[in-house]
Amino acid sequence: MLKAIRILGIDPGSRTTGYGVVEQTGFDLTFVGCGVVKSTPELPMLQRLKEIYDGICGVIRRHEPHHAAIEQVFVAKNPSSALTLGQTRGVLLLAVSQFAMPLQEFSPKTVKQAVAGYGQAGKEQMQQAVRALLKLSATPSADAADALAVAMCCANHLAVSRAADRVK
């Protein structure tokens, strides 16, 4: 009998970090949950990073994933935004490491290709692809859909890797 693997996908953002959790059994995916962790824009960055850290730790405790995946930082036009996003990713990586979970990182293009079949897919295309593939009754927010897509991309990679190991 195949063991189910619960995967947490994370779409980092300094104001809104999306998270999505799926469960994979073989090649089948089941939606577990999704949402966002928000920071308070009026607070100093140090406190906002703490809010993000605490929020994602709460998500991990609640959903108990076995594996995590995070979207890599894309090249930003604004250096200040890139640094802020890098700091956010840092606290998210720290949170995942606190729970000793394996972690994979995927580029936005890889995630879009895995879920929508097109590396340049827009936000709405990704939301609709996630909704259709997970058979959701409602469309998740853009940040939550992106995080679910990261989790789905990771699930695809894990399933292919397990299948390749069985062939060896």
N, C-alpha and C. Protein backbone atom coordinates (compact mmCIF):
# COMPACT_ATOMS: atom_id res chain seq x y z
N MET A 1 0.84 -1.19 0.00
CA MET A 1 0.00 0.00 0.00
C MET A 1 0.89 1.25 0.00
N LEU A 2 0.52 2.23 -0.79
CA LEU A 2 1.30 3.46 -0.91
C LEU A 2 1.07 4.36 0.30
N LYS A 3 2.15 4.96 0.76
CA LYS A 3 2.08 5.88 1.89
C LYS A 3 1.80 7.29 1.39
N ALA A 4 0.91 7.99 2.07
CA ALA A 4 0.60 9.37 1.71
C ALA A 4 1.71 10.29 2.21
N ILE A 5 2.06 11.26 1.39
CA ILE A 5 3.07 12.26 1.75
C ILE A 5 2.39 13.63 1.73
N ARG A 6 2.51 14.35 2.82
CA ARG A 6 1.92 15.69 2.91
C ARG A 6 3.00 16.71 2.58
N ILE A 7 2.68 17.62 1.65
CA ILE A 7 3.65 18.58 1.15
C ILE A 7 3.15 20.01 1.37
N LEU A 8 4.02 20.83 1.94
CA LEU A 8 3.74 22.25 2.14
C LEU A 8 4.43 23.04 1.05
N GLY A 9 3.68 23.84 0.32
CA GLY A 9 4.23 24.76 -0.67
C GLY A 9 4.19 26.17 -0.12
N ILE A 10 5.25 26.93 -0.37
CA ILE A 10 5.34 28.30 0.16
C ILE A 10 5.66 29.27 -0.98
N ASP A 11 4.86 30.33 -1.06
CA ASP A 11 5.10 31.44 -1.99
C ASP A 11 5.48 32.65 -1.14
N PRO A 12 6.79 32.95 -1.04
CA PRO A 12 7.23 33.99 -0.12
C PRO A 12 6.83 35.40 -0.54
N GLY A 13 6.47 36.19 0.44
CA GLY A 13 6.16 37.60 0.24
C GLY A 13 6.32 38.33 1.56
N SER A 14 6.85 39.53 1.53
CA SER A 14 7.10 40.25 2.79
C SER A 14 5.80 40.80 3.40
N ARG A 15 4.80 40.98 2.58
CA ARG A 15 3.50 41.42 3.10
C ARG A 15 2.54 40.24 3.23
N THR A 16 2.52 39.39 2.20
CA THR A 16 1.63 38.24 2.19
C THR A 16 2.39 37.03 1.68
N THR A 17 2.54 36.03 2.53
CA THR A 17 3.18 34.78 2.16
C THR A 17 2.08 33.74 1.98
N GLY A 18 2.03 33.16 0.80
CA GLY A 18 1.03 32.13 0.55
C GLY A 18 1.53 30.77 1.01
N TYR A 19 0.59 29.95 1.45
CA TYR A 19 0.93 28.56 1.76
C TYR A 19 -0.15 27.64 1.20
N GLY A 20 0.26 26.47 0.82
CA GLY A 20 -0.67 25.47 0.30
C GLY A 20 -0.19 24.09 0.71
N VAL A 21 -1.12 23.24 1.11
CA VAL A 21 -0.78 21.90 1.56
C VAL A 21 -1.57 20.89 0.73
N VAL A 22 -0.85 19.93 0.18
CA VAL A 22 -1.48 18.84 -0.56
C VAL A 22 -0.97 17.53 0.01
N GLU A 23 -1.76 16.48 -0.23
CA GLU A 23 -1.34 15.15 0.17
C GLU A 23 -1.24 14.31 -1.09
N GLN A 24 -0.14 13.58 -1.20
CA GLN A 24 0.11 12.78 -2.40
C GLN A 24 0.16 11.30 -2.03
N THR A 25 -0.60 10.52 -2.77
CA THR A 25 -0.55 9.07 -2.66
C THR A 25 -0.30 8.56 -4.07
N GLY A 26 0.88 8.03 -4.31
CA GLY A 26 1.26 7.66 -5.67
C GLY A 26 1.35 8.92 -6.51
N PHE A 27 0.53 8.97 -7.57
CA PHE A 27 0.47 10.17 -8.41
C PHE A 27 -0.78 11.00 -8.12
N ASP A 28 -1.61 10.54 -7.18
CA ASP A 28 -2.86 11.25 -6.85
C ASP A 28 -2.61 12.34 -5.82
N LEU A 29 -3.20 13.50 -6.06
CA LEU A 29 -3.08 14.64 -5.16
C LEU A 29 -4.43 14.98 -4.54
N THR A 30 -4.39 15.30 -3.26
CA THR A 30 -5.58 15.71 -2.53
C THR A 30 -5.30 17.05 -1.86
N PHE A 31 -6.23 17.97 -1.98
CA PHE A 31 -6.12 19.27 -1.33
C PHE A 31 -6.28 19.09 0.18
N VAL A 32 -5.41 19.71 0.96
CA VAL A 32 -5.51 19.68 2.42
C VAL A 32 -5.90 21.05 2.95
N GLY A 33 -5.21 22.09 2.48
CA GLY A 33 -5.53 23.42 2.97
C GLY A 33 -4.64 24.47 2.30
N CYS A 34 -5.05 25.73 2.42
CA CYS A 34 -4.25 26.82 1.88
C CYS A 34 -4.67 28.12 2.55
N GLY A 35 -3.85 29.12 2.36
CA GLY A 35 -4.16 30.42 2.93
C GLY A 35 -2.96 31.34 2.81
N VAL A 36 -2.96 32.36 3.62
CA VAL A 36 -1.86 33.33 3.61
C VAL A 36 -1.45 33.67 5.04
N VAL A 37 -0.19 34.01 5.17
CA VAL A 37 0.35 34.58 6.41
C VAL A 37 0.65 36.02 6.08
N LYS A 38 0.03 36.93 6.81
CA LYS A 38 0.21 38.36 6.54
C LYS A 38 1.06 39.00 7.62
N SER A 39 1.84 39.98 7.19
CA SER A 39 2.58 40.79 8.16
C SER A 39 1.94 42.18 8.18
N THR A 40 2.19 42.89 9.25
CA THR A 40 1.62 44.22 9.43
C THR A 40 2.54 45.26 8.80
N PRO A 41 2.12 45.89 7.69
CA PRO A 41 3.00 46.82 6.97
C PRO A 41 3.52 47.98 7.81
N GLU A 42 2.78 48.39 8.83
CA GLU A 42 3.19 49.54 9.65
C GLU A 42 4.33 49.20 10.61
N LEU A 43 4.56 47.92 10.85
CA LEU A 43 5.59 47.51 11.80
C LEU A 43 6.98 47.58 11.18
N PRO A 44 8.01 47.70 12.00
CA PRO A 44 9.38 47.62 11.49
C PRO A 44 9.62 46.22 10.88
N MET A 45 10.56 46.15 9.95
CA MET A 45 10.81 44.90 9.24
C MET A 45 11.12 43.74 10.18
N LEU A 46 11.86 43.98 11.23
CA LEU A 46 12.21 42.93 12.17
C LEU A 46 10.95 42.27 12.74
N GLN A 47 9.97 43.06 13.12
CA GLN A 47 8.73 42.52 13.68
C GLN A 47 7.89 41.84 12.60
N ARG A 48 7.92 42.37 11.39
CA ARG A 48 7.18 41.74 10.28
C ARG A 48 7.76 40.36 9.99
N LEU A 49 9.09 40.24 10.01
CA LEU A 49 9.72 38.94 9.78
C LEU A 49 9.33 37.95 10.88
N LYS A 50 9.23 38.43 12.11
CA LYS A 50 8.80 37.58 13.23
C LYS A 50 7.36 37.11 13.02
N GLU A 51 6.49 38.00 12.54
CA GLU A 51 5.10 37.60 12.25
C GLU A 51 5.06 36.50 11.19
N ILE A 52 5.86 36.65 10.16
CA ILE A 52 5.90 35.65 9.09
C ILE A 52 6.43 34.32 9.62
N TYR A 53 7.50 34.39 10.39
CA TYR A 53 8.09 33.18 10.99
C TYR A 53 7.06 32.47 11.87
N ASP A 54 6.46 33.20 12.78
CA ASP A 54 5.47 32.61 13.69
C ASP A 54 4.28 32.04 12.91
N GLY A 55 3.85 32.78 11.89
CA GLY A 55 2.71 32.32 11.10
C GLY A 55 2.98 31.02 10.37
N ILE A 56 4.14 30.90 9.73
CA ILE A 56 4.43 29.68 8.97
C ILE A 56 4.71 28.52 9.92
N CYS A 57 5.29 28.80 11.10
CA CYS A 57 5.47 27.74 12.10
C CYS A 57 4.11 27.21 12.55
N GLY A 58 3.14 28.10 12.71
CA GLY A 58 1.79 27.68 13.07
C GLY A 58 1.17 26.80 12.00
N VAL A 59 1.38 27.16 10.74
CA VAL A 59 0.87 26.35 9.62
C VAL A 59 1.51 24.96 9.65
N ILE A 60 2.81 24.90 9.89
CA ILE A 60 3.51 23.61 9.93
C ILE A 60 2.99 22.76 11.09
N ARG A 61 2.80 23.36 12.25
CA ARG A 61 2.26 22.60 13.40
C ARG A 61 0.85 22.09 13.10
N ARG A 62 0.04 22.91 12.48
CA ARG A 62 -1.36 22.55 12.21
C ARG A 62 -1.48 21.45 11.17
N HIS A 63 -0.71 21.53 10.09
CA HIS A 63 -0.87 20.58 8.98
C HIS A 63 0.12 19.42 8.98
N GLU A 64 1.18 19.51 9.77
CA GLU A 64 2.18 18.45 9.92
C GLU A 64 2.67 17.87 8.59
N PRO A 65 3.22 18.73 7.71
CA PRO A 65 3.73 18.22 6.42
C PRO A 65 5.00 17.39 6.61
N HIS A 66 5.23 16.51 5.64
CA HIS A 66 6.44 15.67 5.64
C HIS A 66 7.56 16.31 4.80
N HIS A 67 7.17 17.20 3.92
CA HIS A 67 8.10 17.77 2.95
C HIS A 67 7.67 19.21 2.68
N ALA A 68 8.62 20.07 2.36
CA ALA A 68 8.29 21.46 2.04
C ALA A 68 8.95 21.86 0.73
N ALA A 69 8.34 22.83 0.07
CA ALA A 69 8.89 23.38 -1.17
C ALA A 69 8.63 24.88 -1.16
N ILE A 70 9.58 25.62 -1.71
CA ILE A 70 9.47 27.08 -1.72
C ILE A 70 9.86 27.60 -3.09
N GLU A 71 9.21 28.69 -3.48
CA GLU A 71 9.55 29.30 -4.76
C GLU A 71 10.84 30.11 -4.60
N GLN A 72 11.73 29.98 -5.58
CA GLN A 72 12.97 30.73 -5.58
C GLN A 72 12.69 32.20 -5.87
N VAL A 73 13.61 33.04 -5.43
CA VAL A 73 13.49 34.47 -5.68
C VAL A 73 13.75 34.73 -7.16
N PHE A 74 12.85 35.49 -7.76
CA PHE A 74 13.07 35.91 -9.14
C PHE A 74 13.86 37.21 -9.10
N VAL A 75 14.42 37.60 -10.20
CA VAL A 75 15.19 38.84 -10.25
C VAL A 75 14.22 40.02 -10.24
N ALA A 76 14.33 40.84 -9.22
CA ALA A 76 13.44 41.99 -9.09
C ALA A 76 14.09 43.23 -9.71
N LYS A 77 13.25 44.12 -10.21
CA LYS A 77 13.75 45.37 -10.78
C LYS A 77 14.23 46.31 -9.68
N ASN A 78 13.60 46.24 -8.53
CA ASN A 78 13.91 47.11 -7.41
C ASN A 78 14.82 46.36 -6.43
N PRO A 79 16.08 46.79 -6.26
CA PRO A 79 17.00 46.09 -5.35
C PRO A 79 16.49 46.01 -3.91
N SER A 80 15.81 47.05 -3.45
CA SER A 80 15.28 47.05 -2.09
C SER A 80 14.23 45.95 -1.91
N SER A 81 13.37 45.79 -2.90
CA SER A 81 12.35 44.73 -2.85
C SER A 81 12.99 43.34 -2.86
N ALA A 82 14.04 43.19 -3.66
CA ALA A 82 14.75 41.92 -3.73
C ALA A 82 15.38 41.57 -2.38
N LEU A 83 15.96 42.56 -1.71
CA LEU A 83 16.56 42.31 -0.39
C LEU A 83 15.49 41.94 0.63
N THR A 84 14.38 42.63 0.61
CA THR A 84 13.29 42.35 1.54
C THR A 84 12.76 40.93 1.31
N LEU A 85 12.57 40.57 0.05
CA LEU A 85 12.10 39.22 -0.27
C LEU A 85 13.12 38.17 0.17
N GLY A 86 14.40 38.49 0.02
CA GLY A 86 15.45 37.58 0.47
C GLY A 86 15.41 37.37 1.97
N GLN A 87 15.16 38.43 2.71
CA GLN A 87 15.03 38.31 4.17
C GLN A 87 13.83 37.45 4.54
N THR A 88 12.75 37.65 3.83
CA THR A 88 11.53 36.86 4.07
C THR A 88 11.80 35.38 3.80
N ARG A 89 12.43 35.09 2.67
CA ARG A 89 12.77 33.70 2.36
C ARG A 89 13.66 33.11 3.45
N GLY A 90 14.57 33.92 3.98
CA GLY A 90 15.46 33.46 5.03
C GLY A 90 14.71 32.97 6.26
N VAL A 91 13.73 33.75 6.72
CA VAL A 91 12.98 33.31 7.91
C VAL A 91 12.09 32.11 7.58
N LEU A 92 11.61 32.03 6.35
CA LEU A 92 10.80 30.87 5.96
C LEU A 92 11.66 29.60 5.91
N LEU A 93 12.88 29.73 5.37
CA LEU A 93 13.80 28.59 5.34
C LEU A 93 14.17 28.18 6.77
N LEU A 94 14.39 29.14 7.64
CA LEU A 94 14.68 28.85 9.04
C LEU A 94 13.52 28.09 9.69
N ALA A 95 12.31 28.55 9.44
CA ALA A 95 11.13 27.88 10.02
C ALA A 95 11.06 26.42 9.57
N VAL A 96 11.25 26.18 8.28
CA VAL A 96 11.20 24.81 7.77
C VAL A 96 12.31 23.98 8.42
N SER A 97 13.50 24.55 8.55
CA SER A 97 14.62 23.81 9.14
C SER A 97 14.36 23.46 10.61
N GLN A 98 13.60 24.29 11.31
CA GLN A 98 13.28 24.02 12.71
C GLN A 98 12.46 22.73 12.87
N PHE A 99 11.77 22.35 11.82
CA PHE A 99 10.94 21.14 11.85
C PHE A 99 11.61 19.97 11.13
N ALA A 100 12.87 20.16 10.75
CA ALA A 100 13.70 19.11 10.13
C ALA A 100 13.01 18.43 8.94
N MET A 101 12.37 19.24 8.11
CA MET A 101 11.71 18.72 6.91
C MET A 101 12.63 18.84 5.71
N PRO A 102 12.57 17.87 4.80
CA PRO A 102 13.27 18.06 3.53
C PRO A 102 12.64 19.24 2.79
N LEU A 103 13.47 19.98 2.07
CA LEU A 103 13.00 21.17 1.36
C LEU A 103 13.54 21.16 -0.06
N GLN A 104 12.67 21.50 -0.99
CA GLN A 104 13.08 21.69 -2.38
C GLN A 104 12.71 23.10 -2.79
N GLU A 105 13.52 23.67 -3.70
CA GLU A 105 13.26 25.00 -4.22
C GLU A 105 13.02 24.91 -5.71
N PHE A 106 12.04 25.67 -6.20
CA PHE A 106 11.69 25.66 -7.61
C PHE A 106 11.59 27.08 -8.14
N SER A 107 12.03 27.27 -9.38
CA SER A 107 11.89 28.58 -10.01
C SER A 107 10.42 28.80 -10.36
N PRO A 108 10.00 30.05 -10.45
CA PRO A 108 8.62 30.32 -10.86
C PRO A 108 8.28 29.67 -12.20
N LYS A 109 9.21 29.69 -13.13
CA LYS A 109 8.97 29.11 -14.45
C LYS A 109 8.74 27.60 -14.36
N THR A 110 9.52 26.90 -13.55
CA THR A 110 9.35 25.46 -13.37
C THR A 110 7.98 25.15 -12.77
N VAL A 111 7.57 25.93 -11.78
CA VAL A 111 6.27 25.73 -11.14
C VAL A 111 5.15 25.93 -12.16
N LYS A 112 5.23 27.00 -12.93
CA LYS A 112 4.19 27.29 -13.93
C LYS A 112 4.12 26.20 -14.99
N GLN A 113 5.26 25.70 -15.43
CA GLN A 113 5.27 24.63 -16.43
C GLN A 113 4.66 23.36 -15.87
N ALA A 114 4.96 23.05 -14.62
CA ALA A 114 4.46 21.82 -13.99
C ALA A 114 2.95 21.84 -13.80
N VAL A 115 2.41 23.01 -13.50
CA VAL A 115 0.99 23.10 -13.15
C VAL A 115 0.12 23.58 -14.31
N ALA A 116 0.56 24.61 -15.01
CA ALA A 116 -0.26 25.17 -16.09
C ALA A 116 0.21 24.73 -17.48
N GLY A 117 1.40 24.11 -17.54
CA GLY A 117 1.92 23.66 -18.83
C GLY A 117 2.56 24.75 -19.65
N TYR A 118 2.72 25.93 -19.04
CA TYR A 118 3.26 27.08 -19.75
C TYR A 118 4.07 27.92 -18.76
N GLY A 119 5.36 28.09 -19.00
CA GLY A 119 6.25 28.78 -18.09
C GLY A 119 6.00 30.26 -17.91
N GLN A 120 5.16 30.84 -18.76
CA GLN A 120 4.84 32.27 -18.65
C GLN A 120 3.40 32.50 -18.21
N ALA A 121 2.76 31.49 -17.64
CA ALA A 121 1.36 31.59 -17.23
C ALA A 121 1.17 32.76 -16.25
N GLY A 122 0.06 33.45 -16.39
CA GLY A 122 -0.28 34.57 -15.51
C GLY A 122 -0.96 34.09 -14.24
N LYS A 123 -1.18 35.04 -13.34
CA LYS A 123 -1.80 34.73 -12.04
C LYS A 123 -3.15 34.03 -12.20
N GLU A 124 -4.01 34.57 -13.06
CA GLU A 124 -5.34 33.99 -13.23
C GLU A 124 -5.26 32.59 -13.82
N GLN A 125 -4.36 32.38 -14.78
CA GLN A 125 -4.18 31.05 -15.36
C GLN A 125 -3.74 30.06 -14.29
N MET A 126 -2.84 30.49 -13.42
CA MET A 126 -2.37 29.61 -12.36
C MET A 126 -3.50 29.29 -11.38
N GLN A 127 -4.28 30.30 -11.02
CA GLN A 127 -5.40 30.07 -10.11
C GLN A 127 -6.38 29.06 -10.70
N GLN A 128 -6.70 29.21 -11.97
CA GLN A 128 -7.65 28.30 -12.60
C GLN A 128 -7.08 26.89 -12.76
N ALA A 129 -5.79 26.80 -13.07
CA ALA A 129 -5.15 25.48 -13.21
C ALA A 129 -5.15 24.75 -11.86
N VAL A 130 -4.80 25.46 -10.81
CA VAL A 130 -4.79 24.86 -9.47
C VAL A 130 -6.20 24.43 -9.08
N ARG A 131 -7.17 25.28 -9.31
CA ARG A 131 -8.56 24.95 -8.98
C ARG A 131 -9.01 23.70 -9.73
N ALA A 132 -8.71 23.62 -11.01
CA ALA A 132 -9.14 22.48 -11.82
C ALA A 132 -8.41 21.19 -11.41
N LEU A 133 -7.10 21.27 -11.26
CA LEU A 133 -6.32 20.06 -10.95
C LEU A 133 -6.62 19.49 -9.57
N LEU A 134 -6.91 20.37 -8.61
CA LEU A 134 -7.23 19.90 -7.26
C LEU A 134 -8.73 19.75 -7.04
N LYS A 135 -9.51 20.03 -8.09
CA LYS A 135 -10.98 19.90 -8.03
C LYS A 135 -11.57 20.71 -6.86
N LEU A 136 -11.14 21.97 -6.77
CA LEU A 136 -11.61 22.85 -5.71
C LEU A 136 -12.94 23.49 -6.09
N SER A 137 -13.79 23.72 -5.13
CA SER A 137 -15.08 24.35 -5.40
C SER A 137 -14.97 25.86 -5.56
N ALA A 138 -13.90 26.44 -5.02
CA ALA A 138 -13.68 27.89 -5.12
C ALA A 138 -12.25 28.15 -5.57
N THR A 139 -12.04 29.31 -6.13
CA THR A 139 -10.70 29.70 -6.59
C THR A 139 -9.92 30.29 -5.42
N PRO A 140 -8.74 29.73 -5.12
CA PRO A 140 -7.95 30.29 -4.02
C PRO A 140 -7.38 31.66 -4.41
N SER A 141 -6.99 32.43 -3.41
CA SER A 141 -6.35 33.73 -3.68
C SER A 141 -5.09 33.47 -4.50
N ALA A 142 -4.59 34.52 -5.14
CA ALA A 142 -3.40 34.37 -5.99
C ALA A 142 -2.21 33.83 -5.21
N ASP A 143 -1.98 34.33 -4.00
CA ASP A 143 -0.84 33.89 -3.20
C ASP A 143 -1.01 32.44 -2.75
N ALA A 144 -2.21 32.07 -2.33
CA ALA A 144 -2.46 30.69 -1.92
C ALA A 144 -2.37 29.75 -3.12
N ALA A 145 -2.88 30.17 -4.28
CA ALA A 145 -2.81 29.35 -5.49
C ALA A 145 -1.36 29.13 -5.90
N ASP A 146 -0.55 30.18 -5.82
CA ASP A 146 0.87 30.04 -6.15
C ASP A 146 1.55 29.04 -5.21
N ALA A 147 1.21 29.10 -3.94
CA ALA A 147 1.80 28.17 -2.97
C ALA A 147 1.33 26.74 -3.23
N LEU A 148 0.06 26.57 -3.55
CA LEU A 148 -0.44 25.23 -3.90
C LEU A 148 0.27 24.71 -5.14
N ALA A 149 0.52 25.61 -6.10
CA ALA A 149 1.24 25.21 -7.31
C ALA A 149 2.66 24.75 -6.98
N VAL A 150 3.31 25.42 -6.03
CA VAL A 150 4.65 25.01 -5.61
C VAL A 150 4.59 23.61 -4.99
N ALA A 151 3.59 23.38 -4.15
CA ALA A 151 3.42 22.05 -3.54
C ALA A 151 3.14 20.99 -4.61
N MET A 152 2.33 21.33 -5.59
CA MET A 152 2.00 20.39 -6.67
C MET A 152 3.23 20.08 -7.52
N CYS A 153 4.03 21.09 -7.80
CA CYS A 153 5.26 20.90 -8.56
C CYS A 153 6.20 19.96 -7.80
N CYS A 154 6.32 20.18 -6.51
CA CYS A 154 7.15 19.32 -5.67
C CYS A 154 6.62 17.89 -5.68
N ALA A 155 5.31 17.74 -5.58
CA ALA A 155 4.70 16.41 -5.60
C ALA A 155 5.03 15.69 -6.90
N ASN A 156 4.97 16.40 -8.02
CA ASN A 156 5.32 15.80 -9.32
C ASN A 156 6.76 15.31 -9.31
N HIS A 157 7.66 16.14 -8.81
CA HIS A 157 9.08 15.78 -8.77
C HIS A 157 9.32 14.58 -7.85
N LEU A 158 8.65 14.56 -6.71
CA LEU A 158 8.82 13.44 -5.78
C LEU A 158 8.29 12.13 -6.38
N ALA A 159 7.14 12.21 -7.03
CA ALA A 159 6.55 11.01 -7.63
C ALA A 159 7.44 10.45 -8.74
N VAL A 160 7.97 11.32 -9.56
CA VAL A 160 8.86 10.88 -10.64
C VAL A 160 10.14 10.28 -10.06
N SER A 161 10.66 10.90 -9.02
CA SER A 161 11.87 10.40 -8.38
C SER A 161 11.64 9.01 -7.77
N ARG A 162 10.50 8.83 -7.10
CA ARG A 162 10.19 7.51 -6.52
C ARG A 162 10.01 6.48 -7.62
N ALA A 163 9.37 6.84 -8.72
CA ALA A 163 9.18 5.91 -9.83
C ALA A 163 10.52 5.52 -10.44
N ALA A 164 11.41 6.48 -10.58
CA ALA A 164 12.74 6.20 -11.13
C ALA A 164 13.52 5.27 -10.20
N ASP A 165 13.37 5.47 -8.89
CA ASP A 165 14.06 4.60 -7.93
C ASP A 165 13.56 3.16 -8.02
N ARG A 166 12.25 3.00 -8.27
CA ARG A 166 11.69 1.64 -8.40
C ARG A 166 12.20 0.92 -9.63
N VAL A 167 12.51 1.69 -10.68
CA VAL A 167 13.00 1.11 -11.93
C VAL A 167 14.44 0.61 -11.77
N LYS A 168 15.21 1.28 -10.92
CA LYS A 168 16.63 0.92 -10.74
C LYS A 168 16.83 -0.46 -10.22
